[in-house]
């Protein structure tokens, strides 16, 4: 299915196994300015954590508990 990007106005095609309502093409989603901004925010947050004496860490995955068998 072909769509027109709302940002750059170029035509792009949705992936067949990823249907959806995408209105922005992959090139605009991977905008270098956006990636740089996110990197700066993470760096600043890391410095703040270091000043307080904490370390940034990824969220721990919840432990999966198997279900009990029914009687």
N, C-alpha and C. Protein backbone atom coordinates (compact mmCIF):
# COMPACT_ATOMS: atom_id res chain seq x y z
N UNK A 1 0.84 -1.17 0.00
CA UNK A 1 0.00 0.00 0.00
C UNK A 1 0.89 1.24 0.00
N UNK A 2 0.66 2.14 -0.91
CA UNK A 2 1.47 3.35 -1.01
C UNK A 2 0.84 4.49 -0.22
N UNK A 3 1.70 5.26 0.41
CA UNK A 3 1.29 6.43 1.19
C UNK A 3 2.17 7.61 0.82
N UNK A 4 1.76 8.80 1.19
CA UNK A 4 2.56 10.00 1.01
C UNK A 4 2.95 10.52 2.38
N UNK A 5 4.25 10.74 2.55
CA UNK A 5 4.77 11.21 3.83
C UNK A 5 4.29 12.64 4.08
N UNK A 6 3.80 12.90 5.29
CA UNK A 6 3.32 14.24 5.62
C UNK A 6 4.46 15.21 5.86
N UNK A 7 5.66 14.69 6.12
CA UNK A 7 6.79 15.55 6.42
C UNK A 7 7.54 15.96 5.15
N UNK A 8 7.94 14.96 4.35
CA UNK A 8 8.75 15.26 3.15
C UNK A 8 7.94 15.19 1.86
N UNK A 9 6.69 14.79 1.93
CA UNK A 9 5.77 14.72 0.78
C UNK A 9 6.20 13.71 -0.28
N UNK A 10 7.04 12.75 0.06
CA UNK A 10 7.44 11.71 -0.89
C UNK A 10 6.59 10.47 -0.67
N UNK A 11 6.42 9.69 -1.74
CA UNK A 11 5.66 8.45 -1.65
C UNK A 11 6.52 7.37 -1.00
N UNK A 12 5.90 6.55 -0.17
CA UNK A 12 6.57 5.41 0.42
C UNK A 12 5.57 4.28 0.51
N UNK A 13 6.10 3.06 0.66
CA UNK A 13 5.23 1.90 0.70
C UNK A 13 5.28 1.26 2.08
N UNK A 14 4.11 0.93 2.60
CA UNK A 14 4.04 0.25 3.88
C UNK A 14 4.52 -1.19 3.69
N UNK A 15 5.20 -1.72 4.69
CA UNK A 15 5.67 -3.10 4.61
C UNK A 15 4.47 -4.03 4.68
N UNK A 16 4.47 -5.09 3.88
CA UNK A 16 3.31 -5.98 3.85
C UNK A 16 3.03 -6.66 5.18
N UNK A 17 4.07 -6.98 5.94
CA UNK A 17 3.84 -7.66 7.21
C UNK A 17 3.68 -6.68 8.38
N UNK A 18 3.70 -5.38 8.09
CA UNK A 18 3.53 -4.35 9.12
C UNK A 18 2.43 -3.37 8.71
N UNK A 19 1.20 -3.82 8.62
CA UNK A 19 0.14 -2.90 8.22
C UNK A 19 -0.09 -1.85 9.32
N UNK A 20 -0.55 -0.71 8.93
CA UNK A 20 -0.83 0.31 9.93
C UNK A 20 -1.22 1.61 9.28
N UNK A 21 -1.25 2.66 10.08
CA UNK A 21 -1.68 3.97 9.60
C UNK A 21 -0.52 4.94 9.58
N UNK A 22 0.63 4.50 9.15
CA UNK A 22 1.81 5.34 9.14
C UNK A 22 1.61 6.52 8.19
N UNK A 23 1.96 7.71 8.66
CA UNK A 23 1.85 8.90 7.83
C UNK A 23 3.22 9.54 7.61
N UNK A 24 4.26 8.96 8.21
CA UNK A 24 5.62 9.47 8.05
C UNK A 24 6.51 8.33 7.59
N UNK A 25 7.35 8.59 6.58
CA UNK A 25 8.22 7.54 6.04
C UNK A 25 9.36 7.22 7.00
N UNK A 26 10.03 6.10 6.75
CA UNK A 26 11.12 5.66 7.63
C UNK A 26 12.27 6.66 7.65
N UNK A 27 12.55 7.33 6.56
CA UNK A 27 13.64 8.30 6.53
C UNK A 27 13.37 9.47 7.45
N UNK A 28 12.13 9.90 7.53
CA UNK A 28 11.79 11.03 8.41
C UNK A 28 11.73 10.59 9.87
N UNK A 29 11.37 9.34 10.11
CA UNK A 29 11.34 8.85 11.48
C UNK A 29 12.76 8.79 12.04
N UNK A 30 13.71 8.38 11.22
CA UNK A 30 15.11 8.28 11.65
C UNK A 30 15.83 9.61 11.44
N UNK A 31 15.19 10.69 11.81
CA UNK A 31 15.75 12.03 11.65
C UNK A 31 16.98 12.19 12.54
N UNK A 32 18.14 12.57 11.99
CA UNK A 32 19.37 12.71 12.78
C UNK A 32 19.25 13.75 13.89
N UNK A 33 18.50 14.81 13.65
CA UNK A 33 18.33 15.84 14.68
C UNK A 33 17.59 15.27 15.89
N UNK A 34 16.58 14.47 15.62
CA UNK A 34 15.80 13.85 16.70
C UNK A 34 16.66 12.89 17.51
N UNK A 35 17.47 12.09 16.81
CA UNK A 35 18.35 11.14 17.49
C UNK A 35 19.38 11.87 18.34
N UNK A 36 19.95 12.97 17.81
CA UNK A 36 20.93 13.75 18.56
C UNK A 36 20.30 14.37 19.81
N UNK A 37 19.08 14.84 19.69
CA UNK A 37 18.39 15.43 20.84
C UNK A 37 18.18 14.40 21.94
N UNK A 38 17.75 13.20 21.57
CA UNK A 38 17.55 12.14 22.55
C UNK A 38 18.87 11.75 23.22
N UNK A 39 19.95 11.69 22.44
CA UNK A 39 21.26 11.36 23.00
C UNK A 39 21.70 12.42 24.01
N UNK A 40 21.47 13.69 23.70
CA UNK A 40 21.83 14.77 24.62
C UNK A 40 21.04 14.65 25.92
N UNK A 41 19.76 14.36 25.82
CA UNK A 41 18.92 14.22 27.01
C UNK A 41 19.39 13.07 27.90
N UNK A 42 19.78 11.96 27.29
CA UNK A 42 20.27 10.83 28.06
C UNK A 42 21.60 11.17 28.73
N UNK A 43 22.46 11.88 28.03
CA UNK A 43 23.76 12.28 28.59
C UNK A 43 23.56 13.22 29.78
N UNK A 44 22.68 14.19 29.64
CA UNK A 44 22.40 15.13 30.73
C UNK A 44 21.83 14.39 31.93
N UNK A 45 20.89 13.48 31.69
CA UNK A 45 20.30 12.72 32.78
C UNK A 45 21.36 11.87 33.47
N UNK A 46 22.29 11.29 32.71
CA UNK A 46 23.37 10.49 33.29
C UNK A 46 24.26 11.33 34.18
N UNK A 47 24.57 12.56 33.76
CA UNK A 47 25.40 13.45 34.58
C UNK A 47 24.70 13.82 35.88
N UNK A 48 23.41 14.07 35.81
CA UNK A 48 22.65 14.40 37.01
C UNK A 48 22.65 13.22 37.97
N UNK A 49 22.45 12.02 37.45
CA UNK A 49 22.47 10.83 38.29
C UNK A 49 23.83 10.67 38.97
N UNK A 50 24.92 10.92 38.22
CA UNK A 50 26.27 10.80 38.80
C UNK A 50 26.48 11.81 39.92
N UNK A 51 25.97 13.03 39.76
CA UNK A 51 26.12 14.05 40.79
C UNK A 51 25.42 13.64 42.08
N UNK A 52 24.31 12.96 41.95
CA UNK A 52 23.55 12.54 43.11
C UNK A 52 24.12 11.24 43.69
N UNK A 53 24.90 10.53 42.90
CA UNK A 53 25.50 9.28 43.38
C UNK A 53 24.75 8.05 42.94
N UNK A 54 23.91 8.18 41.93
CA UNK A 54 23.15 7.04 41.43
C UNK A 54 23.67 6.65 40.06
N UNK A 55 23.29 5.48 39.60
CA UNK A 55 23.66 5.03 38.26
C UNK A 55 22.38 4.79 37.48
N UNK A 56 22.43 5.16 36.19
CA UNK A 56 21.27 4.88 35.34
C UNK A 56 21.29 3.41 34.98
N UNK A 57 20.15 2.78 34.99
CA UNK A 57 20.06 1.39 34.59
C UNK A 57 18.75 1.16 33.87
N UNK A 58 18.75 0.16 33.06
CA UNK A 58 17.53 -0.20 32.34
C UNK A 58 16.57 -0.84 33.32
N UNK A 59 15.30 -0.73 33.04
CA UNK A 59 14.30 -1.33 33.91
C UNK A 59 14.44 -2.84 33.87
N UNK A 60 14.36 -3.44 35.02
CA UNK A 60 14.44 -4.90 35.10
C UNK A 60 13.18 -5.51 34.51
N UNK A 61 13.36 -6.61 33.82
CA UNK A 61 12.21 -7.29 33.26
C UNK A 61 11.46 -7.99 34.39
N UNK A 62 10.14 -7.96 34.36
CA UNK A 62 9.39 -8.62 35.43
C UNK A 62 9.63 -10.14 35.39
N UNK A 63 9.67 -10.71 36.57
CA UNK A 63 9.89 -12.16 36.65
C UNK A 63 8.62 -12.88 36.22
N UNK A 64 8.79 -13.86 35.37
CA UNK A 64 7.65 -14.62 34.86
C UNK A 64 7.40 -15.79 35.80
N UNK A 65 6.20 -15.83 36.34
CA UNK A 65 5.83 -16.90 37.26
C UNK A 65 4.89 -17.85 36.51
N UNK A 66 5.24 -19.14 36.45
CA UNK A 66 4.36 -20.06 35.74
C UNK A 66 3.02 -20.22 36.45
N UNK A 67 2.00 -20.43 35.67
CA UNK A 67 0.67 -20.61 36.23
C UNK A 67 0.55 -21.96 36.93
N UNK A 68 -0.31 -21.97 37.93
CA UNK A 68 -0.58 -23.24 38.60
C UNK A 68 -1.51 -24.08 37.74
N UNK A 69 -1.37 -25.37 37.85
CA UNK A 69 -2.25 -26.27 37.10
C UNK A 69 -3.61 -26.28 37.75
N UNK A 70 -4.64 -26.36 36.93
CA UNK A 70 -6.01 -26.45 37.45
C UNK A 70 -6.27 -27.85 37.94
N UNK A 71 -7.12 -27.94 38.91
CA UNK A 71 -7.47 -29.26 39.46
C UNK A 71 -8.65 -29.84 38.75
